[in-house]
Amino acid sequence: MRRFALLFAFLLACPGTDGAVDADNDGWIASEDCDDLDPSTHPEGAEDCDGIDNDCDGAVDEGWDDDQDGWARCGSPSDCDDNDPLSFPGGEEICDGLDNDCSGAADDGA
């Protein structure tokens, strides 16, 4: 069993013929992969709403903010109305019948 573990560890860490390492075996070498320990995170990865830069472009959770107010519809805290750019966590509450600050109550403090 110990020999198998050593062989497995060697194979994971063994550089390819060009000296590049792909620790998570996702087809992207460590110098190109922003997280070479996660096979779902690489330059062609699908961006999930998980607080991680899944596609290695330097942005987190892009494509998950429909109203472009800077708050994604997932995560914590999340945008309580991702169709209204005036409603987001910490937004200014105005008297309009909507929950602009994402507190859970409409027009509180307005």
C-alpha atoms as a PDB file:
ATOM      1  CA  MET A   1       0.000   0.000   0.000  1.00  0.00           C
ATOM      2  CA  ARG A   2       2.818   2.375   0.862  1.00  0.00           C
ATOM      3  CA  ARG A   3       4.468   1.746  -2.514  1.00  0.00           C
ATOM      4  CA  PHE A   4       1.202   2.575  -4.283  1.00  0.00           C
ATOM      5  CA  ALA A   5       0.881   5.850  -2.338  1.00  0.00           C
ATOM      6  CA  LEU A   6       4.453   6.803  -3.228  1.00  0.00           C
ATOM      7  CA  LEU A   7       3.899   5.959  -6.900  1.00  0.00           C
ATOM      8  CA  PHE A   8       0.662   7.952  -6.953  1.00  0.00           C
ATOM      9  CA  ALA A   9       2.328  10.969  -5.323  1.00  0.00           C
ATOM     10  CA  PHE A  10       5.201  10.747  -7.804  1.00  0.00           C
ATOM     11  CA  LEU A  11       2.824  10.617 -10.781  1.00  0.00           C
ATOM     12  CA  LEU A  12       0.883  13.652  -9.560  1.00  0.00           C
ATOM     13  CA  ALA A  13       3.998  15.719  -9.027  1.00  0.00           C
ATOM     14  CA  CYS A  14       5.964  14.431 -11.984  1.00  0.00           C
ATOM     15  CA  PRO A  15       6.513  17.144 -14.589  1.00  0.00           C
ATOM     16  CA  GLY A  16       5.592  16.468 -18.204  1.00  0.00           C
ATOM     17  CA  THR A  17       8.180  16.222 -20.925  1.00  0.00           C
ATOM     18  CA  ASP A  18       8.461  20.022 -21.097  1.00  0.00           C
ATOM     19  CA  GLY A  19       9.002  20.380 -17.335  1.00  0.00           C
ATOM     20  CA  ALA A  20       5.485  21.739 -16.726  1.00  0.00           C
ATOM     21  CA  VAL A  21       3.311  20.425 -13.896  1.00  0.00           C
ATOM     22  CA  ASP A  22      -0.464  19.921 -14.062  1.00  0.00           C
ATOM     23  CA  ALA A  23      -1.238  18.869 -10.490  1.00  0.00           C
ATOM     24  CA  ASP A  24      -5.011  18.611 -10.948  1.00  0.00           C
ATOM     25  CA  ASN A  25      -4.826  16.916 -14.369  1.00  0.00           C
ATOM     26  CA  ASP A  26      -7.231  19.345 -16.025  1.00  0.00           C
ATOM     27  CA  GLY A  27      -5.026  19.908 -19.064  1.00  0.00           C
ATOM     28  CA  TRP A  28      -3.657  23.278 -17.878  1.00  0.00           C
ATOM     29  CA  ILE A  29      -0.140  23.608 -16.497  1.00  0.00           C
ATOM     30  CA  ALA A  30       0.369  25.415 -13.211  1.00  0.00           C
ATOM     31  CA  SER A  31       1.727  28.580 -14.849  1.00  0.00           C
ATOM     32  CA  GLU A  32      -1.524  28.961 -16.853  1.00  0.00           C
ATOM     33  CA  ASP A  33      -3.985  27.616 -14.259  1.00  0.00           C
ATOM     34  CA  CYS A  34      -5.097  29.995 -11.507  1.00  0.00           C
ATOM     35  CA  ASP A  35      -5.770  27.044  -9.141  1.00  0.00           C
ATOM     36  CA  ASP A  36      -3.800  23.982 -10.113  1.00  0.00           C
ATOM     37  CA  LEU A  37      -5.327  21.979  -7.275  1.00  0.00           C
ATOM     38  CA  ASP A  38      -8.936  22.321  -8.547  1.00  0.00           C
ATOM     39  CA  PRO A  39      -9.689  20.595 -11.867  1.00  0.00           C
ATOM     40  CA  SER A  40     -12.857  22.669 -12.417  1.00  0.00           C
ATOM     41  CA  THR A  41     -10.893  25.948 -12.258  1.00  0.00           C
ATOM     42  CA  HIS A  42      -8.847  26.788 -15.358  1.00  0.00           C
ATOM     43  CA  PRO A  43      -8.818  29.371 -18.200  1.00  0.00           C
ATOM     44  CA  GLU A  44     -11.710  27.621 -19.988  1.00  0.00           C
ATOM     45  CA  GLY A  45     -13.668  26.839 -16.816  1.00  0.00           C
ATOM     46  CA  ALA A  46     -17.342  27.725 -16.491  1.00  0.00           C
ATOM     47  CA  GLU A  47     -17.916  30.660 -14.132  1.00  0.00           C
ATOM     48  CA  ASP A  48     -20.038  29.499 -11.205  1.00  0.00           C
ATOM     49  CA  CYS A  49     -21.573  31.743  -8.596  1.00  0.00           C
ATOM     50  CA  ASP A  50     -19.315  30.560  -5.784  1.00  0.00           C
ATOM     51  CA  GLY A  51     -16.956  33.406  -4.891  1.00  0.00           C
ATOM     52  CA  ILE A  52     -14.145  31.842  -6.958  1.00  0.00           C
ATOM     53  CA  ASP A  53     -12.568  32.948 -10.225  1.00  0.00           C
ATOM     54  CA  ASN A  54     -13.442  29.714 -12.067  1.00  0.00           C
ATOM     55  CA  ASP A  55     -12.246  30.875 -15.512  1.00  0.00           C
ATOM     56  CA  CYS A  56      -8.974  32.521 -14.406  1.00  0.00           C
ATOM     57  CA  ASP A  57      -9.791  35.951 -15.861  1.00  0.00           C
ATOM     58  CA  GLY A  58      -9.272  37.892 -12.624  1.00  0.00           C
ATOM     59  CA  ALA A  59     -13.003  38.480 -12.004  1.00  0.00           C
ATOM     60  CA  VAL A  60     -15.201  36.563  -9.570  1.00  0.00           C
ATOM     61  CA  ASP A  61     -18.767  35.478 -10.304  1.00  0.00           C
ATOM     62  CA  GLU A  62     -19.121  37.541 -13.489  1.00  0.00           C
ATOM     63  CA  GLY A  63     -22.306  36.782 -15.370  1.00  0.00           C
ATOM     64  CA  TRP A  64     -24.255  36.496 -12.128  1.00  0.00           C
ATOM     65  CA  ASP A  65     -25.135  40.225 -11.788  1.00  0.00           C
ATOM     66  CA  ASP A  66     -28.049  40.839 -14.176  1.00  0.00           C
ATOM     67  CA  ASP A  67     -28.645  44.481 -13.227  1.00  0.00           C
ATOM     68  CA  GLN A  68     -24.926  45.354 -13.213  1.00  0.00           C
ATOM     69  CA  ASP A  69     -25.017  47.022  -9.793  1.00  0.00           C
ATOM     70  CA  GLY A  70     -21.934  45.196  -8.543  1.00  0.00           C
ATOM     71  CA  TRP A  71     -23.830  42.656  -6.432  1.00  0.00           C
ATOM     72  CA  ALA A  72     -24.291  39.068  -7.613  1.00  0.00           C
ATOM     73  CA  ARG A  73     -27.548  37.206  -7.090  1.00  0.00           C
ATOM     74  CA  CYS A  74     -25.673  34.606  -5.066  1.00  0.00           C
ATOM     75  CA  GLY A  75     -23.107  34.664  -2.341  1.00  0.00           C
ATOM     76  CA  SER A  76     -23.319  36.427   0.957  1.00  0.00           C
ATOM     77  CA  PRO A  77     -24.589  39.034   0.997  1.00  0.00           C
ATOM     78  CA  SER A  78     -26.450  38.666  -2.279  1.00  0.00           C
ATOM     79  CA  ASP A  79     -28.510  41.051  -4.382  1.00  0.00           C
ATOM     80  CA  CYS A  80     -32.133  40.813  -3.223  1.00  0.00           C
ATOM     81  CA  ASP A  81     -33.476  42.078  -6.581  1.00  0.00           C
ATOM     82  CA  ASP A  82     -31.070  41.437  -9.418  1.00  0.00           C
ATOM     83  CA  ASN A  83     -33.427  43.119 -11.887  1.00  0.00           C
ATOM     84  CA  ASP A  84     -33.284  46.504 -10.136  1.00  0.00           C
ATOM     85  CA  PRO A  85     -29.914  48.300 -10.023  1.00  0.00           C
ATOM     86  CA  LEU A  86     -31.191  50.490  -7.149  1.00  0.00           C
ATOM     87  CA  SER A  87     -31.702  47.472  -4.870  1.00  0.00           C
ATOM     88  CA  PHE A  88     -28.617  45.844  -3.359  1.00  0.00           C
ATOM     89  CA  PRO A  89     -27.138  45.145   0.109  1.00  0.00           C
ATOM     90  CA  GLY A  90     -26.489  48.474   1.791  1.00  0.00           C
ATOM     91  CA  GLY A  91     -28.325  50.448  -0.894  1.00  0.00           C
ATOM     92  CA  GLU A  92     -30.111  53.673  -0.034  1.00  0.00           C
ATOM     93  CA  GLU A  93     -33.666  52.947   1.117  1.00  0.00           C
ATOM     94  CA  ILE A  94     -36.152  55.177  -0.686  1.00  0.00           C
ATOM     95  CA  CYS A  95     -39.926  55.350  -0.253  1.00  0.00           C
ATOM     96  CA  ASP A  96     -40.975  53.293  -3.277  1.00  0.00           C
ATOM     97  CA  GLY A  97     -42.512  50.125  -1.819  1.00  0.00           C
ATOM     98  CA  LEU A  98     -39.325  48.147  -2.527  1.00  0.00           C
ATOM     99  CA  ASP A  99     -36.566  46.747  -0.334  1.00  0.00           C
ATOM    100  CA  ASN A 100     -33.716  48.884  -1.716  1.00  0.00           C
ATOM    101  CA  ASP A 101     -31.172  47.985   0.977  1.00  0.00           C
ATOM    102  CA  CYS A 102     -31.904  44.223   1.019  1.00  0.00           C
ATOM    103  CA  SER A 103     -32.781  44.308   4.707  1.00  0.00           C
ATOM    104  CA  GLY A 104     -35.881  42.154   4.206  1.00  0.00           C
ATOM    105  CA  ALA A 105     -38.313  45.064   4.652  1.00  0.00           C
ATOM    106  CA  ALA A 106     -39.546  47.634   2.153  1.00  0.00           C
ATOM    107  CA  ASP A 107     -39.226  51.348   2.936  1.00  0.00           C
ATOM    108  CA  ASP A 108     -37.626  50.804   6.358  1.00  0.00           C
ATOM    109  CA  GLY A 109     -35.813  53.954   7.340  1.00  0.00           C
ATOM    110  CA  ALA A 110     -37.044  55.891   4.288  1.00  0.00           C
END
